[in-house]
Each structure stands twice: as C-alpha cells, then as structure tokens.
Amino acid sequence: MVVSPDLYDLSYVYLQGVKFFELVAEPVDREILPGVFLKGWGYNGSIPGPTIRVYPGDWVTIRVHNRLPEATSVHWHGLDVPNRMDGVPAVEPSPYIEQGQYFDYHFQIVNGPGTHMYHTHVNTSHQELMGLVGGFIIEDPYECRVGRDYFIQLQEFYLKGMERGVVKPGHYELETMTESFNFFTMNGRCFPHTSPLTIRYGEEMRVRFANVGMNAHPIHFHGHQFWVTAVDGNMIPTYNRELRNTVLVPSGVTVDIEFTAENPGVWPLHCHMPHHTSNNMTKPTGGMFTTVNYV
C-alpha cells in the first residue's frame, strides 16, 4: 500500500460498481513549518491535495467542487482518459468548473500500475503555484515484493512579506507571478517539519516523486544506491534500469526509485539544489529535505 507522509488518502464510496470520490478545490492555510502558514489553494483542506489510490480496471467518478474565487478544472496527468474528461477546457470539450459549481469526471483506469498526478489546468501560472496538485496512484493489486512504498509531491512557494534570512511565524499570502521561491516542500512541509520515511533492515523500499513546479529537482539519497524503476507511471524494464544515488525530477514528471535497506542509520533524502534545502535562505538545514530512518 502506498503511504503519503503528512497527507491523507481521498476516501470513496461504491455506487453501482463505481468508485465515487469527491474533491473540493478551495482556499487552504497550510502549515509548512511550526507556526508558519501559507495561504494557498488546495483540495479538501490540504496542499498538496489528498492522494487518490485506485487499481487498474477500476471505474471512477471524481466529483470536483469549486469553492475558489474563479473557474478551475482538474487534469489527470499521465492518465489515458476520454477527451471530455481530460480537464483542459481551453482546447478540449472538457468544461470549466465555475465558482460554486461541480463537474463529474468519469472514466475507467486503463493505465497499468504507476505514479501519476492530478492538477488544475486553468490559469495554471497562478493556480498551480497556489498549490492545486495531488498524487494519483494506480496500485498493483498483486504487489508483494516492496515492503515500504511512499509518495512525495515536490512543490515550491514564495511567501510574501517575510524578510530574507528570517523564518517568522504567521500566515502569509503567496506570490505566484515569480520565478523566485523562498520555501520548498515535500508533501506540503519543509524540513525539519517533514515526517521521516521509516524502514526495517532488509526491506525493499520504493519512493515515488512527483513534480509540477517551476524547478527541476535533483533528488539525492545518502548511504545507498537505488534503481530508477519507473518514469511517468511507466515501468522501466529491468535490463534498462540505471543504478543511481541522484535522480533529476523535472516539472511534469514522476520518478520511482527502489532500493534494499542494508545500511542502518538515519539517512538524508533531499533536493541537491543548495537553495532548495534552506528555509528562506536561513542557515539551518530546511526545505525539500527529509530522512529515511531505520527502525
């Protein structure tokens, strides 16, 4: 089972053999560090949104409610869905979801197991950078090899009104018309507020990374080598896999890595861009950084 640290899974009910989800796009105050809140837009009270987990062959209906001050949509990034369900109203028959309205996205999961995302596709330069993204995982119902399976959404934000080199508690508006960011998150939190990924000696572990931001992130793992096993939700054949300790996760891409836990300790797992492992350019380690802890 895939676990998304510091997030939760979107629940569903069965209606006539269909998994029925409800996703609410709405303003969200997200606590990225103790006492430090960003005033963004998310889904169901969360930035990033809750993780949607399904199986190949499932029929799903995802009712998206819009409680934002402008129209929105949801695009199912990497999923092969009917044109009307793809969520890009500027060029497709998929509709805008106006303020106070909802739309039912209905489709069958025809992709195989893999890591995907969902995100807005209206006014994307603003809405995506306000936080409107989440994970969409197609799980393998027969998976038995991997002992721990984690999902991590990578994001960046510019909190307005905080002096550079300072981290001060408060609630901060976001600047989206920028290419400069001062906070970098894993599943909506900055280190040391991120939750560690736990593992036991000898277990196989998978970590799924997803990114729709403005930056590419070279993710580096200490103390271990790992195999890059999937990209964009598509499994890489064993004979084509690369053994790495750093992998680039560009915007619009998901990357899965796997390794065997054979070196006990508390090990950093982080973006290797120096600016991205600080909180507003302060000296202590922060930002897009977590740890893998043997237990």
C-alpha atoms as a PDB file:
ATOM      1  CA  MET A   1       0.000   0.000   0.000  1.00  0.00           C
ATOM      2  CA  VAL A   2       1.282   3.451  -0.911  1.00  0.00           C
ATOM      3  CA  VAL A   3       1.703   5.891   2.002  1.00  0.00           C
ATOM      4  CA  SER A   4       1.880   9.680   1.532  1.00  0.00           C
ATOM      5  CA  PRO A   5       3.605  11.106   4.640  1.00  0.00           C
ATOM      6  CA  ASP A   6       1.906  14.226   6.074  1.00  0.00           C
ATOM      7  CA  LEU A   7      -1.050  13.755   3.722  1.00  0.00           C
ATOM      8  CA  TYR A   8      -4.100  11.509   3.672  1.00  0.00           C
ATOM      9  CA  ASP A   9      -5.868   9.378   1.066  1.00  0.00           C
ATOM     10  CA  LEU A  10      -9.065  10.588  -0.583  1.00  0.00           C
ATOM     11  CA  SER A  11     -11.921   8.351   0.539  1.00  0.00           C
ATOM     12  CA  TYR A  12     -14.574   6.950  -1.773  1.00  0.00           C
ATOM     13  CA  VAL A  13     -17.845   5.027  -1.743  1.00  0.00           C
ATOM     14  CA  TYR A  14     -19.019   2.378  -4.185  1.00  0.00           C
ATOM     15  CA  LEU A  15     -22.018   3.426  -6.252  1.00  0.00           C
ATOM     16  CA  GLN A  16     -23.244   0.758  -8.672  1.00  0.00           C
ATOM     17  CA  GLY A  17     -19.754  -0.685  -9.072  1.00  0.00           C
ATOM     18  CA  VAL A  18     -18.058   2.720  -9.481  1.00  0.00           C
ATOM     19  CA  LYS A  19     -15.620   4.279  -7.004  1.00  0.00           C
ATOM     20  CA  PHE A  20     -17.102   7.709  -6.247  1.00  0.00           C
ATOM     21  CA  PHE A  21     -14.701  10.366  -4.931  1.00  0.00           C
ATOM     22  CA  GLU A  22     -15.379  13.995  -4.016  1.00  0.00           C
ATOM     23  CA  LEU A  23     -12.601  16.539  -4.475  1.00  0.00           C
ATOM     24  CA  VAL A  24     -13.075  20.131  -3.279  1.00  0.00           C
ATOM     25  CA  ALA A  25     -10.893  22.928  -4.701  1.00  0.00           C
ATOM     26  CA  GLU A  26     -10.760  25.608  -2.014  1.00  0.00           C
ATOM     27  CA  PRO A  27      -8.567  28.115  -0.146  1.00  0.00           C
ATOM     28  CA  VAL A  28      -6.264  26.344   2.317  1.00  0.00           C
ATOM     29  CA  ASP A  29      -3.943  27.516   5.090  1.00  0.00           C
ATOM     30  CA  ARG A  30      -1.059  25.031   5.066  1.00  0.00           C
ATOM     31  CA  GLU A  31       1.392  24.830   7.979  1.00  0.00           C
ATOM     32  CA  ILE A  32       4.745  24.268   6.260  1.00  0.00           C
ATOM     33  CA  LEU A  33       6.792  24.827   9.457  1.00  0.00           C
ATOM     34  CA  PRO A  34       5.573  25.112  13.058  1.00  0.00           C
ATOM     35  CA  GLY A  35       3.595  28.332  13.184  1.00  0.00           C
ATOM     36  CA  VAL A  36       4.376  29.254   9.550  1.00  0.00           C
ATOM     37  CA  PHE A  37       1.289  29.047   7.327  1.00  0.00           C
ATOM     38  CA  LEU A  38       0.932  29.756   3.628  1.00  0.00           C
ATOM     39  CA  LYS A  39      -2.436  30.975   2.388  1.00  0.00           C
ATOM     40  CA  GLY A  40      -2.816  28.916  -0.772  1.00  0.00           C
ATOM     41  CA  TRP A  41      -5.343  26.917  -2.762  1.00  0.00           C
ATOM     42  CA  GLY A  42      -5.643  23.175  -2.361  1.00  0.00           C
ATOM     43  CA  TYR A  43      -8.032  20.257  -2.280  1.00  0.00           C
ATOM     44  CA  ASN A  44     -10.093  19.045   0.683  1.00  0.00           C
ATOM     45  CA  GLY A  45      -8.199  21.249   3.121  1.00  0.00           C
ATOM     46  CA  SER A  46      -4.759  20.067   2.038  1.00  0.00           C
ATOM     47  CA  ILE A  47      -1.761  21.294  -0.003  1.00  0.00           C
ATOM     48  CA  PRO A  48      -0.921  19.171  -1.893  1.00  0.00           C
ATOM     49  CA  GLY A  49      -4.307  17.524  -2.171  1.00  0.00           C
ATOM     50  CA  PRO A  50      -5.126  14.091  -0.762  1.00  0.00           C
ATOM     51  CA  THR A  51      -3.699  11.107  -2.613  1.00  0.00           C
ATOM     52  CA  ILE A  52      -6.094   9.203  -4.867  1.00  0.00           C
ATOM     53  CA  ARG A  53      -5.387   5.457  -4.920  1.00  0.00           C
ATOM     54  CA  VAL A  54      -7.031   3.113  -7.434  1.00  0.00           C
ATOM     55  CA  TYR A  55      -6.400  -0.174  -9.264  1.00  0.00           C
ATOM     56  CA  PRO A  56      -6.160  -0.984 -12.974  1.00  0.00           C
ATOM     57  CA  GLY A  57      -9.613  -1.586 -14.423  1.00  0.00           C
ATOM     58  CA  ASP A  58     -11.488   0.477 -11.806  1.00  0.00           C
ATOM     59  CA  TRP A  59     -14.326   2.702 -12.942  1.00  0.00           C
ATOM     60  CA  VAL A  60     -14.173   6.020 -11.097  1.00  0.00           C
ATOM     61  CA  THR A  61     -16.268   9.146 -10.786  1.00  0.00           C
ATOM     62  CA  ILE A  62     -14.484  12.109  -9.244  1.00  0.00           C
ATOM     63  CA  ARG A  63     -16.860  14.960  -8.439  1.00  0.00           C
ATOM     64  CA  VAL A  64     -14.860  18.185  -8.314  1.00  0.00           C
ATOM     65  CA  HIS A  65     -16.467  21.075  -6.410  1.00  0.00           C
ATOM     66  CA  ASN A  66     -15.136  24.586  -6.991  1.00  0.00           C
ATOM     67  CA  ARG A  67     -15.003  26.821  -3.915  1.00  0.00           C
ATOM     68  CA  LEU A  68     -12.353  29.108  -5.409  1.00  0.00           C
ATOM     69  CA  PRO A  69     -12.987  32.727  -6.493  1.00  0.00           C
ATOM     70  CA  GLU A  70     -12.507  31.795 -10.179  1.00  0.00           C
ATOM     71  CA  ALA A  71     -13.137  28.942 -12.602  1.00  0.00           C
ATOM     72  CA  THR A  72     -10.936  25.847 -12.417  1.00  0.00           C
ATOM     73  CA  SER A  73     -10.618  22.288 -13.744  1.00  0.00           C
ATOM     74  CA  VAL A  74      -8.710  19.103 -12.945  1.00  0.00           C
ATOM     75  CA  HIS A  75      -6.341  17.377 -15.352  1.00  0.00           C
ATOM     76  CA  TRP A  76      -5.453  13.727 -14.705  1.00  0.00           C
ATOM     77  CA  HIS A  77      -1.767  13.977 -15.545  1.00  0.00           C
ATOM     78  CA  GLY A  78      -0.473  10.909 -17.383  1.00  0.00           C
ATOM     79  CA  LEU A  79      -3.801   9.063 -17.424  1.00  0.00           C
ATOM     80  CA  ASP A  80      -5.358   7.901 -20.688  1.00  0.00           C
ATOM     81  CA  VAL A  81      -8.896   9.248 -20.306  1.00  0.00           C
ATOM     82  CA  PRO A  82     -11.630  10.317 -22.785  1.00  0.00           C
ATOM     83  CA  ASN A  83     -11.113  13.794 -24.253  1.00  0.00           C
ATOM     84  CA  ARG A  84     -14.037  15.347 -22.351  1.00  0.00           C
ATOM     85  CA  MET A  85     -12.584  14.060 -19.063  1.00  0.00           C
ATOM     86  CA  ASP A  86      -9.042  15.396 -19.555  1.00  0.00           C
ATOM     87  CA  GLY A  87      -9.679  18.737 -17.877  1.00  0.00           C
ATOM     88  CA  VAL A  88      -8.161  21.290 -20.288  1.00  0.00           C
ATOM     89  CA  PRO A  89     -11.173  23.478 -21.162  1.00  0.00           C
ATOM     90  CA  ALA A  90      -9.206  25.990 -23.247  1.00  0.00           C
ATOM     91  CA  VAL A  91      -8.738  23.425 -26.052  1.00  0.00           C
ATOM     92  CA  GLU A  92     -10.899  20.399 -25.201  1.00  0.00           C
ATOM     93  CA  PRO A  93     -14.628  19.721 -24.767  1.00  0.00           C
ATOM     94  CA  SER A  94     -13.908  19.357 -21.032  1.00  0.00           C
ATOM     95  CA  PRO A  95     -15.779  22.181 -19.268  1.00  0.00           C
ATOM     96  CA  TYR A  96     -14.673  24.978 -16.977  1.00  0.00           C
ATOM     97  CA  ILE A  97     -15.902  24.403 -13.441  1.00  0.00           C
ATOM     98  CA  GLU A  98     -17.275  27.791 -12.464  1.00  0.00           C
ATOM     99  CA  GLN A  99     -17.244  29.169  -8.938  1.00  0.00           C
ATOM    100  CA  GLY A 100     -19.805  27.339  -6.796  1.00  0.00           C
ATOM    101  CA  GLN A 101     -20.340  24.581  -9.379  1.00  0.00           C
ATOM    102  CA  TYR A 102     -19.130  20.979  -9.751  1.00  0.00           C
ATOM    103  CA  PHE A 103     -18.308  18.557 -12.527  1.00  0.00           C
ATOM    104  CA  ASP A 104     -18.185  14.754 -12.514  1.00  0.00           C
ATOM    105  CA  TYR A 105     -15.091  13.307 -14.179  1.00  0.00           C
ATOM    106  CA  HIS A 106     -15.973   9.713 -15.092  1.00  0.00           C
ATOM    107  CA  PHE A 107     -13.575   7.220 -16.646  1.00  0.00           C
ATOM    108  CA  GLN A 108     -12.050   3.765 -16.399  1.00  0.00           C
ATOM    109  CA  ILE A 109      -8.468   3.226 -15.261  1.00  0.00           C
ATOM    110  CA  VAL A 110      -6.891   1.799 -18.413  1.00  0.00           C
ATOM    111  CA  ASN A 111      -3.250   2.505 -17.474  1.00  0.00           C
ATOM    112  CA  GLY A 112      -1.220  -0.109 -15.664  1.00  0.00           C
ATOM    113  CA  PRO A 113       0.172   0.357 -12.150  1.00  0.00           C
ATOM    114  CA  GLY A 114       2.129   3.577 -11.812  1.00  0.00           C
ATOM    115  CA  THR A 115       2.607   7.026 -10.287  1.00  0.00           C
ATOM    116  CA  HIS A 116       0.605   9.943 -11.668  1.00  0.00           C
ATOM    117  CA  MET A 117      -0.750  13.327 -10.572  1.00  0.00           C
ATOM    118  CA  TYR A 118      -3.830  15.493 -10.777  1.00  0.00           C
ATOM    119  CA  HIS A 119      -3.703  19.276 -11.011  1.00  0.00           C
ATOM    120  CA  THR A 120      -5.558  22.334 -12.247  1.00  0.00           C
ATOM    121  CA  HIS A 121      -5.397  23.266 -15.927  1.00  0.00           C
ATOM    122  CA  VAL A 122      -6.965  26.750 -15.752  1.00  0.00           C
ATOM    123  CA  ASN A 123      -4.851  29.873 -15.174  1.00  0.00           C
ATOM    124  CA  THR A 124      -2.037  27.449 -14.432  1.00  0.00           C
ATOM    125  CA  SER A 125       0.689  30.035 -13.822  1.00  0.00           C
ATOM    126  CA  HIS A 126      -1.352  31.146 -10.822  1.00  0.00           C
ATOM    127  CA  GLN A 127      -3.405  28.142  -9.727  1.00  0.00           C
ATOM    128  CA  GLU A 128      -0.641  25.520  -9.804  1.00  0.00           C
ATOM    129  CA  LEU A 129       1.714  27.775  -7.852  1.00  0.00           C
ATOM    130  CA  MET A 130      -1.066  28.361  -5.313  1.00  0.00           C
ATOM    131  CA  GLY A 131      -0.890  24.608  -4.600  1.00  0.00           C
ATOM    132  CA  LEU A 132      -3.538  22.874  -6.733  1.00  0.00           C
ATOM    133  CA  VAL A 133      -1.918  19.471  -7.260  1.00  0.00           C
ATOM    134  CA  GLY A 134      -2.066  15.983  -5.758  1.00  0.00           C
ATOM    135  CA  GLY A 135      -0.952  12.406  -6.275  1.00  0.00           C
ATOM    136  CA  PHE A 136      -2.858   9.817  -8.309  1.00  0.00           C
ATOM    137  CA  ILE A 137      -1.515   6.306  -7.734  1.00  0.00           C
ATOM    138  CA  ILE A 138      -2.553   3.225  -9.681  1.00  0.00           C
ATOM    139  CA  GLU A 139      -1.539   0.385  -7.382  1.00  0.00           C
ATOM    140  CA  ASP A 140      -0.665  -3.161  -8.336  1.00  0.00           C
ATOM    141  CA  PRO A 141      -3.183  -5.428  -6.536  1.00  0.00           C
ATOM    142  CA  TYR A 142      -0.645  -8.265  -6.627  1.00  0.00           C
ATOM    143  CA  GLU A 143       2.332  -6.296  -5.243  1.00  0.00           C
ATOM    144  CA  CYS A 144       4.226  -8.336  -2.653  1.00  0.00           C
ATOM    145  CA  ARG A 145       7.891  -7.550  -3.280  1.00  0.00           C
ATOM    146  CA  VAL A 146       8.105  -3.996  -1.912  1.00  0.00           C
ATOM    147  CA  GLY A 147       7.829  -3.670   1.863  1.00  0.00           C
ATOM    148  CA  ARG A 148       7.544   0.148   2.069  1.00  0.00           C
ATOM    149  CA  ASP A 149       6.026   2.339  -0.621  1.00  0.00           C
ATOM    150  CA  TYR A 150       5.978   6.149  -0.243  1.00  0.00           C
ATOM    151  CA  PHE A 151       4.682   9.051  -2.360  1.00  0.00           C
ATOM    152  CA  ILE A 152       6.241  12.551  -2.209  1.00  0.00           C
ATOM    153  CA  GLN A 153       4.943  15.623  -4.048  1.00  0.00           C
ATOM    154  CA  LEU A 154       7.594  18.300  -4.650  1.00  0.00           C
ATOM    155  CA  GLN A 155       6.457  21.958  -4.583  1.00  0.00           C
ATOM    156  CA  GLU A 156       7.849  25.478  -4.215  1.00  0.00           C
ATOM    157  CA  PHE A 157       6.288  28.684  -2.927  1.00  0.00           C
ATOM    158  CA  TYR A 158       7.070  32.355  -2.483  1.00  0.00           C
ATOM    159  CA  LEU A 159       5.695  33.633   0.830  1.00  0.00           C
ATOM    160  CA  LYS A 160       5.244  37.397   0.616  1.00  0.00           C
ATOM    161  CA  GLY A 161       6.223  39.738   3.414  1.00  0.00           C
ATOM    162  CA  MET A 162       8.894  37.591   5.070  1.00  0.00           C
ATOM    163  CA  GLU A 163      12.303  39.231   5.169  1.00  0.00           C
ATOM    164  CA  ARG A 164      15.054  37.167   3.525  1.00  0.00           C
ATOM    165  CA  GLY A 165      17.128  35.203   6.037  1.00  0.00           C
ATOM    166  CA  VAL A 166      14.288  35.085   8.577  1.00  0.00           C
ATOM    167  CA  VAL A 167      11.649  32.469   9.402  1.00  0.00           C
ATOM    168  CA  LYS A 168       8.893  34.141  11.389  1.00  0.00           C
ATOM    169  CA  PRO A 169       5.561  32.533  12.413  1.00  0.00           C
ATOM    170  CA  GLY A 170       2.472  33.913  10.758  1.00  0.00           C
ATOM    171  CA  HIS A 171       0.009  33.490   7.898  1.00  0.00           C
ATOM    172  CA  TYR A 172       1.469  34.549   4.551  1.00  0.00           C
ATOM    173  CA  GLU A 173      -0.034  35.328   1.160  1.00  0.00           C
ATOM    174  CA  LEU A 174       1.639  33.756  -1.878  1.00  0.00           C
ATOM    175  CA  GLU A 175       3.254  35.454  -4.864  1.00  0.00           C
ATOM    176  CA  THR A 176       2.713  33.365  -7.994  1.00  0.00           C
ATOM    177  CA  MET A 177       3.919  35.667 -10.780  1.00  0.00           C
ATOM    178  CA  THR A 178       7.542  34.935  -9.980  1.00  0.00           C
ATOM    179  CA  GLU A 179      10.394  32.585 -10.804  1.00  0.00           C
ATOM    180  CA  SER A 180      11.957  33.094  -7.371  1.00  0.00           C
ATOM    181  CA  PHE A 181      10.872  30.971  -4.401  1.00  0.00           C
ATOM    182  CA  ASN A 182      11.803  31.018  -0.714  1.00  0.00           C
ATOM    183  CA  PHE A 183      10.245  27.774   0.576  1.00  0.00           C
ATOM    184  CA  PHE A 184      10.491  24.278  -0.929  1.00  0.00           C
ATOM    185  CA  THR A 185       8.310  21.440   0.318  1.00  0.00           C
ATOM    186  CA  MET A 186       7.859  17.686   0.361  1.00  0.00           C
ATOM    187  CA  ASN A 187       4.172  16.825   0.743  1.00  0.00           C
ATOM    188  CA  GLY A 188       3.473  20.381   1.869  1.00  0.00           C
ATOM    189  CA  ARG A 189       6.090  20.636   4.602  1.00  0.00           C
ATOM    190  CA  CYS A 190       9.652  21.909   4.967  1.00  0.00           C
ATOM    191  CA  PHE A 191      12.374  20.193   6.978  1.00  0.00           C
ATOM    192  CA  PRO A 192      12.532  19.710   9.949  1.00  0.00           C
ATOM    193  CA  HIS A 193       8.695  19.590   9.852  1.00  0.00           C
ATOM    194  CA  THR A 194       8.712  16.735   7.301  1.00  0.00           C
ATOM    195  CA  SER A 195       7.950  13.238   8.586  1.00  0.00           C
ATOM    196  CA  PRO A 196      10.748  10.670   8.148  1.00  0.00           C
ATOM    197  CA  LEU A 197      10.323   7.625   5.925  1.00  0.00           C
ATOM    198  CA  THR A 198      10.724   4.551   8.121  1.00  0.00           C
ATOM    199  CA  ILE A 199      12.099   1.190   7.040  1.00  0.00           C
ATOM    200  CA  ARG A 200      13.420  -2.039   8.550  1.00  0.00           C
ATOM    201  CA  TYR A 201      16.713  -3.684   7.660  1.00  0.00           C
ATOM    202  CA  GLY A 202      16.373  -5.981   4.649  1.00  0.00           C
ATOM    203  CA  GLU A 203      13.150  -4.481   3.304  1.00  0.00           C
ATOM    204  CA  GLU A 204      12.650  -3.316  -0.252  1.00  0.00           C
ATOM    205  CA  MET A 205      11.553   0.309  -0.404  1.00  0.00           C
ATOM    206  CA  ARG A 206      10.010   2.379  -3.186  1.00  0.00           C
ATOM    207  CA  VAL A 207       9.791   6.173  -3.181  1.00  0.00           C
ATOM    208  CA  ARG A 208       7.597   7.877  -5.790  1.00  0.00           C
ATOM    209  CA  PHE A 209       8.401  11.522  -6.587  1.00  0.00           C
ATOM    210  CA  ALA A 210       6.110  13.908  -8.499  1.00  0.00           C
ATOM    211  CA  ASN A 211       6.690  17.484  -9.645  1.00  0.00           C
ATOM    212  CA  VAL A 212       4.617  20.132 -11.456  1.00  0.00           C
ATOM    213  CA  GLY A 213       6.532  23.203 -10.267  1.00  0.00           C
ATOM    214  CA  MET A 214       8.840  25.734 -11.909  1.00  0.00           C
ATOM    215  CA  ASN A 215      12.076  23.942 -10.977  1.00  0.00           C
ATOM    216  CA  ALA A 216      13.691  20.597 -11.684  1.00  0.00           C
ATOM    217  CA  HIS A 217      14.860  18.857  -8.522  1.00  0.00           C
ATOM    218  CA  PRO A 218      17.932  16.551  -8.372  1.00  0.00           C
ATOM    219  CA  ILE A 219      16.936  14.199  -5.562  1.00  0.00           C
ATOM    220  CA  HIS A 220      19.915  12.670  -3.750  1.00  0.00           C
ATOM    221  CA  PHE A 221      19.932   9.789  -1.249  1.00  0.00           C
ATOM    222  CA  HIS A 222      22.775   9.232   1.221  1.00  0.00           C
ATOM    223  CA  GLY A 223      24.260   5.876   2.152  1.00  0.00           C
ATOM    224  CA  HIS A 224      22.561   3.864  -0.593  1.00  0.00           C
ATOM    225  CA  GLN A 225      22.387   3.334  -4.317  1.00  0.00           C
ATOM    226  CA  PHE A 226      18.946   2.955  -5.881  1.00  0.00           C
ATOM    227  CA  TRP A 227      17.410   1.733  -9.104  1.00  0.00           C
ATOM    228  CA  VAL A 228      15.270   4.096 -11.188  1.00  0.00           C
ATOM    229  CA  THR A 229      12.357   1.729 -11.819  1.00  0.00           C
ATOM    230  CA  ALA A 230       9.645   3.895 -13.409  1.00  0.00           C
ATOM    231  CA  VAL A 231       9.147   7.285 -15.064  1.00  0.00           C
ATOM    232  CA  ASP A 232       5.794   8.958 -15.768  1.00  0.00           C
ATOM    233  CA  GLY A 233       3.960   5.960 -14.374  1.00  0.00           C
ATOM    234  CA  ASN A 234       5.609   3.574 -16.837  1.00  0.00           C
ATOM    235  CA  MET A 235       7.763   0.717 -15.577  1.00  0.00           C
ATOM    236  CA  ILE A 236      11.327   0.582 -16.904  1.00  0.00           C
ATOM    237  CA  PRO A 237      12.376  -2.937 -17.954  1.00  0.00           C
ATOM    238  CA  THR A 238      14.945  -4.449 -15.596  1.00  0.00           C
ATOM    239  CA  TYR A 239      17.653  -4.527 -18.286  1.00  0.00           C
ATOM    240  CA  ASN A 240      17.258  -0.765 -18.891  1.00  0.00           C
ATOM    241  CA  ARG A 241      17.309   0.474 -15.299  1.00  0.00           C
ATOM    242  CA  GLU A 242      20.019   2.793 -14.010  1.00  0.00           C
ATOM    243  CA  LEU A 243      21.735   2.419 -10.645  1.00  0.00           C
ATOM    244  CA  ARG A 244      21.969   5.932  -9.196  1.00  0.00           C
ATOM    245  CA  ASN A 245      22.227   7.910  -5.975  1.00  0.00           C
ATOM    246  CA  THR A 246      20.850  11.131  -7.534  1.00  0.00           C
ATOM    247  CA  VAL A 247      17.962  11.437  -9.982  1.00  0.00           C
ATOM    248  CA  LEU A 248      16.502  14.539 -11.619  1.00  0.00           C
ATOM    249  CA  VAL A 249      12.753  15.069 -11.285  1.00  0.00           C
ATOM    250  CA  PRO A 250      11.778  17.741 -13.846  1.00  0.00           C
ATOM    251  CA  SER A 251       8.467  19.566 -13.927  1.00  0.00           C
ATOM    252  CA  GLY A 252       5.624  17.401 -15.184  1.00  0.00           C
ATOM    253  CA  VAL A 253       7.444  14.164 -14.393  1.00  0.00           C
ATOM    254  CA  THR A 254       7.039  11.358 -11.863  1.00  0.00           C
ATOM    255  CA  VAL A 255      10.005   9.131 -10.965  1.00  0.00           C
ATOM    256  CA  ASP A 256      10.010   5.928  -8.891  1.00  0.00           C
ATOM    257  CA  ILE A 257      13.145   4.685  -7.172  1.00  0.00           C
ATOM    258  CA  GLU A 258      13.743   1.390  -5.320  1.00  0.00           C
ATOM    259  CA  PHE A 259      16.485   0.081  -3.063  1.00  0.00           C
ATOM    260  CA  THR A 260      17.185  -2.595  -0.462  1.00  0.00           C
ATOM    261  CA  ALA A 261      17.677  -1.394   3.113  1.00  0.00           C
ATOM    262  CA  GLU A 262      21.129  -2.725   4.025  1.00  0.00           C
ATOM    263  CA  ASN A 263      22.877   0.219   5.705  1.00  0.00           C
ATOM    264  CA  PRO A 264      21.239   1.106   9.054  1.00  0.00           C
ATOM    265  CA  GLY A 265      21.085   4.678  10.233  1.00  0.00           C
ATOM    266  CA  VAL A 266      19.277   7.965   9.718  1.00  0.00           C
ATOM    267  CA  TRP A 267      19.928   8.987   6.113  1.00  0.00           C
ATOM    268  CA  PRO A 268      19.181  12.271   4.283  1.00  0.00           C
ATOM    269  CA  LEU A 269      16.962  12.249   1.192  1.00  0.00           C
ATOM    270  CA  HIS A 270      16.839  15.699  -0.368  1.00  0.00           C
ATOM    271  CA  CYS A 271      16.979  18.006  -3.354  1.00  0.00           C
ATOM    272  CA  HIS A 272      20.604  18.822  -4.157  1.00  0.00           C
ATOM    273  CA  MET A 273      19.971  22.427  -5.221  1.00  0.00           C
ATOM    274  CA  PRO A 274      21.567  24.341  -2.299  1.00  0.00           C
ATOM    275  CA  HIS A 275      18.840  26.998  -2.191  1.00  0.00           C
ATOM    276  CA  HIS A 276      16.156  24.292  -2.032  1.00  0.00           C
ATOM    277  CA  THR A 277      17.469  22.849   1.254  1.00  0.00           C
ATOM    278  CA  SER A 278      17.110  26.080   3.182  1.00  0.00           C
ATOM    279  CA  ASN A 279      14.093  27.858   4.637  1.00  0.00           C
ATOM    280  CA  ASN A 280      14.126  31.389   3.228  1.00  0.00           C
ATOM    281  CA  MET A 281      17.942  31.314   2.972  1.00  0.00           C
ATOM    282  CA  THR A 282      18.443  30.727   6.699  1.00  0.00           C
ATOM    283  CA  LYS A 283      21.458  28.747   7.894  1.00  0.00           C
ATOM    284  CA  PRO A 284      19.845  25.596   9.373  1.00  0.00           C
ATOM    285  CA  THR A 285      19.002  22.726   7.032  1.00  0.00           C
ATOM    286  CA  GLY A 286      15.438  23.020   5.746  1.00  0.00           C
ATOM    287  CA  GLY A 287      13.305  22.988   2.645  1.00  0.00           C
ATOM    288  CA  MET A 288      12.989  19.980   0.350  1.00  0.00           C
ATOM    289  CA  PHE A 289      14.663  17.561   2.740  1.00  0.00           C
ATOM    290  CA  THR A 290      13.595  14.518   4.718  1.00  0.00           C
ATOM    291  CA  THR A 291      15.234  11.423   6.203  1.00  0.00           C
ATOM    292  CA  VAL A 292      14.998   7.663   5.828  1.00  0.00           C
ATOM    293  CA  ASN A 293      15.073   6.159   9.316  1.00  0.00           C
ATOM    294  CA  TYR A 294      15.807   2.512  10.078  1.00  0.00           C
ATOM    295  CA  VAL A 295      13.554   1.245  12.892  1.00  0.00           C
END
